[in-house]
């Protein structure tokens, strides 16, 4: 394992996290606005499949890379919440 691989998986996990949480926000917005059921289903399946692929791919590389990708994925949640200006 090199630091380059670790850095790449931090970027990969963060990118997947941003896409996941933006799709989650779109999914929640669609439920409120009562958008089409097919669009909602595609968003849900797509974001879960992308996250699952990222976690499986990172887990095949080792525990340190999986940890780095997962921490970046969790940090992406905070970035998306900040960008969407979600109030608690």
N, C-alpha and C. Protein backbone atom coordinates (compact mmCIF):
# COMPACT_ATOMS: atom_id res chain seq x y z
N UNK A 1 0.85 -1.17 0.00
CA UNK A 1 0.00 0.00 0.00
C UNK A 1 0.89 1.24 0.00
N UNK A 2 0.62 2.12 -0.87
CA UNK A 2 1.39 3.35 -0.94
C UNK A 2 0.51 4.53 -0.54
N UNK A 3 1.16 5.63 -0.26
CA UNK A 3 0.42 6.84 0.06
C UNK A 3 -0.39 7.34 -1.13
N UNK A 4 0.09 7.04 -2.33
CA UNK A 4 -0.65 7.42 -3.53
C UNK A 4 -1.99 6.71 -3.59
N UNK A 5 -1.98 5.40 -3.32
CA UNK A 5 -3.24 4.63 -3.32
C UNK A 5 -4.18 5.15 -2.24
N UNK A 6 -3.62 5.45 -1.08
CA UNK A 6 -4.43 5.98 0.01
C UNK A 6 -5.08 7.30 -0.39
N UNK A 7 -4.30 8.17 -1.00
CA UNK A 7 -4.82 9.46 -1.45
C UNK A 7 -5.88 9.31 -2.53
N UNK A 8 -5.65 8.39 -3.46
CA UNK A 8 -6.63 8.17 -4.52
C UNK A 8 -7.96 7.67 -3.96
N UNK A 9 -7.89 6.81 -2.96
CA UNK A 9 -9.12 6.29 -2.38
C UNK A 9 -9.81 7.32 -1.49
N UNK A 10 -9.06 8.25 -0.93
CA UNK A 10 -9.69 9.35 -0.21
C UNK A 10 -10.49 10.21 -1.19
N UNK A 11 -9.91 10.49 -2.34
CA UNK A 11 -10.61 11.26 -3.38
C UNK A 11 -11.81 10.47 -3.90
N UNK A 12 -11.61 9.17 -4.14
CA UNK A 12 -12.69 8.31 -4.64
C UNK A 12 -13.84 8.23 -3.64
N UNK A 13 -13.53 8.01 -2.38
CA UNK A 13 -14.56 7.92 -1.35
C UNK A 13 -15.29 9.24 -1.16
N UNK A 14 -14.55 10.34 -1.20
CA UNK A 14 -15.18 11.64 -1.07
C UNK A 14 -16.08 11.97 -2.24
N UNK A 15 -15.64 11.62 -3.43
CA UNK A 15 -16.45 11.87 -4.63
C UNK A 15 -17.74 11.06 -4.60
N UNK A 16 -17.61 9.80 -4.26
CA UNK A 16 -18.80 8.94 -4.17
C UNK A 16 -19.73 9.45 -3.06
N UNK A 17 -19.15 9.91 -1.97
CA UNK A 17 -19.96 10.45 -0.88
C UNK A 17 -20.73 11.69 -1.29
N UNK A 18 -20.08 12.59 -2.01
CA UNK A 18 -20.77 13.80 -2.48
C UNK A 18 -21.92 13.43 -3.41
N UNK A 19 -21.66 12.53 -4.35
CA UNK A 19 -22.73 12.09 -5.26
C UNK A 19 -23.85 11.42 -4.49
N UNK A 20 -23.51 10.58 -3.53
CA UNK A 20 -24.51 9.86 -2.73
C UNK A 20 -25.41 10.84 -1.97
N UNK A 21 -24.79 11.79 -1.29
CA UNK A 21 -25.59 12.68 -0.46
C UNK A 21 -26.34 13.73 -1.28
N UNK A 22 -25.82 14.12 -2.44
CA UNK A 22 -26.60 14.99 -3.32
C UNK A 22 -27.80 14.24 -3.89
N UNK A 23 -27.61 12.96 -4.23
CA UNK A 23 -28.74 12.15 -4.70
C UNK A 23 -29.75 11.94 -3.59
N UNK A 24 -29.28 11.79 -2.36
CA UNK A 24 -30.18 11.66 -1.22
C UNK A 24 -31.01 12.92 -1.04
N UNK A 25 -30.37 14.08 -1.20
CA UNK A 25 -31.11 15.34 -1.11
C UNK A 25 -32.13 15.45 -2.23
N UNK A 26 -31.74 15.03 -3.43
CA UNK A 26 -32.69 15.04 -4.55
C UNK A 26 -33.83 14.06 -4.33
N UNK A 27 -33.53 12.94 -3.73
CA UNK A 27 -34.55 11.95 -3.42
C UNK A 27 -35.56 12.51 -2.41
N UNK A 28 -35.05 13.14 -1.37
CA UNK A 28 -35.94 13.73 -0.36
C UNK A 28 -36.77 14.86 -0.95
N UNK A 29 -36.15 15.65 -1.81
CA UNK A 29 -36.88 16.74 -2.46
C UNK A 29 -37.97 16.18 -3.38
N UNK A 30 -37.66 15.09 -4.06
CA UNK A 30 -38.65 14.46 -4.94
C UNK A 30 -39.82 13.89 -4.18
N UNK A 31 -39.58 13.36 -3.00
CA UNK A 31 -40.68 12.83 -2.18
C UNK A 31 -41.60 13.97 -1.74
N UNK A 32 -41.00 15.09 -1.35
CA UNK A 32 -41.79 16.23 -0.91
C UNK A 32 -42.60 16.80 -2.07
N UNK A 33 -41.97 16.88 -3.24
CA UNK A 33 -42.65 17.46 -4.41
C UNK A 33 -43.48 16.44 -5.17
N UNK A 34 -43.44 15.20 -4.76
CA UNK A 34 -44.19 14.10 -5.37
C UNK A 34 -43.84 13.93 -6.85
N UNK A 35 -42.53 13.83 -7.11
CA UNK A 35 -42.06 13.55 -8.47
C UNK A 35 -42.38 12.10 -8.82
N UNK A 36 -42.09 11.73 -10.05
CA UNK A 36 -42.40 10.39 -10.53
C UNK A 36 -41.73 9.29 -9.72
N UNK A 37 -42.42 8.18 -9.62
CA UNK A 37 -41.92 7.05 -8.83
C UNK A 37 -40.69 6.42 -9.47
N UNK A 38 -40.62 6.40 -10.81
CA UNK A 38 -39.47 5.79 -11.48
C UNK A 38 -38.21 6.60 -11.24
N UNK A 39 -38.34 7.91 -11.24
CA UNK A 39 -37.17 8.76 -10.98
C UNK A 39 -36.67 8.53 -9.56
N UNK A 40 -37.59 8.43 -8.63
CA UNK A 40 -37.21 8.19 -7.24
C UNK A 40 -36.53 6.84 -7.08
N UNK A 41 -37.07 5.83 -7.75
CA UNK A 41 -36.49 4.49 -7.65
C UNK A 41 -35.09 4.46 -8.26
N UNK A 42 -34.90 5.14 -9.40
CA UNK A 42 -33.58 5.18 -10.02
C UNK A 42 -32.56 5.88 -9.14
N UNK A 43 -32.96 6.96 -8.50
CA UNK A 43 -32.04 7.67 -7.61
C UNK A 43 -31.64 6.79 -6.42
N UNK A 44 -32.61 6.10 -5.84
CA UNK A 44 -32.32 5.26 -4.68
C UNK A 44 -31.40 4.10 -5.04
N UNK A 45 -31.75 3.40 -6.10
CA UNK A 45 -30.94 2.25 -6.50
C UNK A 45 -29.56 2.69 -6.95
N UNK A 46 -29.48 3.78 -7.68
CA UNK A 46 -28.20 4.27 -8.17
C UNK A 46 -27.25 4.67 -7.06
N UNK A 47 -27.76 5.40 -6.08
CA UNK A 47 -26.85 5.85 -5.02
C UNK A 47 -26.43 4.70 -4.12
N UNK A 48 -27.31 3.76 -3.88
CA UNK A 48 -26.94 2.60 -3.07
C UNK A 48 -25.95 1.71 -3.82
N UNK A 49 -26.16 1.53 -5.12
CA UNK A 49 -25.25 0.70 -5.92
C UNK A 49 -23.87 1.35 -6.00
N UNK A 50 -23.81 2.65 -6.18
CA UNK A 50 -22.53 3.34 -6.26
C UNK A 50 -21.77 3.25 -4.94
N UNK A 51 -22.46 3.44 -3.84
CA UNK A 51 -21.82 3.35 -2.54
C UNK A 51 -21.35 1.93 -2.25
N UNK A 52 -22.16 0.95 -2.60
CA UNK A 52 -21.79 -0.45 -2.40
C UNK A 52 -20.56 -0.81 -3.23
N UNK A 53 -20.53 -0.35 -4.48
CA UNK A 53 -19.37 -0.61 -5.33
C UNK A 53 -18.11 0.00 -4.73
N UNK A 54 -18.21 1.23 -4.24
CA UNK A 54 -17.05 1.89 -3.65
C UNK A 54 -16.55 1.12 -2.43
N UNK A 55 -17.46 0.73 -1.56
CA UNK A 55 -17.06 0.01 -0.35
C UNK A 55 -16.46 -1.36 -0.67
N UNK A 56 -17.05 -2.08 -1.61
CA UNK A 56 -16.50 -3.38 -1.99
C UNK A 56 -15.13 -3.24 -2.64
N UNK A 57 -14.98 -2.28 -3.53
CA UNK A 57 -13.70 -2.07 -4.21
C UNK A 57 -12.62 -1.67 -3.22
N UNK A 58 -12.96 -0.79 -2.29
CA UNK A 58 -11.99 -0.37 -1.28
C UNK A 58 -11.64 -1.51 -0.33
N UNK A 59 -12.62 -2.34 -0.01
CA UNK A 59 -12.34 -3.43 0.92
C UNK A 59 -11.40 -4.47 0.32
N UNK A 60 -11.40 -4.59 -0.98
CA UNK A 60 -10.48 -5.52 -1.64
C UNK A 60 -9.04 -5.02 -1.58
N UNK A 61 -8.84 -3.74 -1.31
CA UNK A 61 -7.51 -3.16 -1.26
C UNK A 61 -6.88 -3.23 0.13
N UNK A 62 -7.69 -3.48 1.15
CA UNK A 62 -7.16 -3.58 2.50
C UNK A 62 -7.91 -2.68 3.46
N UNK A 63 -7.67 -2.91 4.75
CA UNK A 63 -8.45 -2.21 5.76
C UNK A 63 -8.11 -0.73 5.83
N UNK A 64 -6.85 -0.37 5.60
CA UNK A 64 -6.46 1.05 5.69
C UNK A 64 -7.10 1.87 4.58
N UNK A 65 -7.14 1.30 3.40
CA UNK A 65 -7.76 2.01 2.27
C UNK A 65 -9.26 2.07 2.46
N UNK A 66 -9.86 1.01 2.97
CA UNK A 66 -11.29 1.03 3.26
C UNK A 66 -11.61 2.10 4.31
N UNK A 67 -10.80 2.19 5.32
CA UNK A 67 -10.99 3.20 6.36
C UNK A 67 -10.87 4.61 5.78
N UNK A 68 -9.88 4.84 4.95
CA UNK A 68 -9.68 6.16 4.35
C UNK A 68 -10.85 6.53 3.45
N UNK A 69 -11.31 5.59 2.64
CA UNK A 69 -12.44 5.86 1.75
C UNK A 69 -13.72 6.11 2.54
N UNK A 70 -13.91 5.36 3.60
CA UNK A 70 -15.12 5.53 4.41
C UNK A 70 -15.10 6.86 5.17
N UNK A 71 -13.95 7.24 5.70
CA UNK A 71 -13.86 8.53 6.38
C UNK A 71 -14.09 9.69 5.42
N UNK A 72 -13.59 9.57 4.20
CA UNK A 72 -13.84 10.61 3.19
C UNK A 72 -15.31 10.64 2.81
N UNK A 73 -15.95 9.47 2.75
CA UNK A 73 -17.38 9.39 2.43
C UNK A 73 -18.20 10.08 3.53
N UNK A 74 -17.81 9.86 4.78
CA UNK A 74 -18.51 10.50 5.90
C UNK A 74 -18.27 12.01 5.89
N UNK A 75 -17.05 12.43 5.57
CA UNK A 75 -16.75 13.86 5.50
C UNK A 75 -17.53 14.53 4.39
N UNK A 76 -17.81 13.79 3.32
CA UNK A 76 -18.59 14.34 2.21
C UNK A 76 -20.00 14.72 2.67
N UNK A 77 -20.53 14.02 3.64
CA UNK A 77 -21.85 14.36 4.17
C UNK A 77 -21.84 15.77 4.73
N UNK A 78 -20.81 16.08 5.50
CA UNK A 78 -20.71 17.42 6.08
C UNK A 78 -20.54 18.48 5.01
N UNK A 79 -19.79 18.16 3.97
CA UNK A 79 -19.60 19.11 2.87
C UNK A 79 -20.92 19.39 2.17
N UNK A 80 -21.68 18.34 1.88
CA UNK A 80 -22.96 18.51 1.20
C UNK A 80 -23.95 19.26 2.09
N UNK A 81 -23.99 18.94 3.37
CA UNK A 81 -24.89 19.67 4.28
C UNK A 81 -24.52 21.15 4.33
N UNK A 82 -23.24 21.44 4.34
CA UNK A 82 -22.81 22.84 4.36
C UNK A 82 -23.17 23.53 3.05
N UNK A 83 -22.96 22.86 1.93
CA UNK A 83 -23.26 23.47 0.63
C UNK A 83 -24.75 23.69 0.43
N UNK A 84 -25.57 22.79 0.95
CA UNK A 84 -27.02 22.93 0.80
C UNK A 84 -27.62 23.83 1.90
N UNK A 85 -26.77 24.27 2.81
CA UNK A 85 -27.18 25.16 3.91
C UNK A 85 -28.34 24.59 4.69
N UNK A 86 -28.19 23.32 5.09
CA UNK A 86 -29.20 22.65 5.88
C UNK A 86 -29.11 23.15 7.32
N UNK A 87 -30.23 23.58 7.86
CA UNK A 87 -30.26 24.07 9.23
C UNK A 87 -30.66 22.92 10.14
N UNK A 88 -30.01 22.86 11.28
CA UNK A 88 -30.35 21.80 12.25
C UNK A 88 -31.35 22.31 13.23
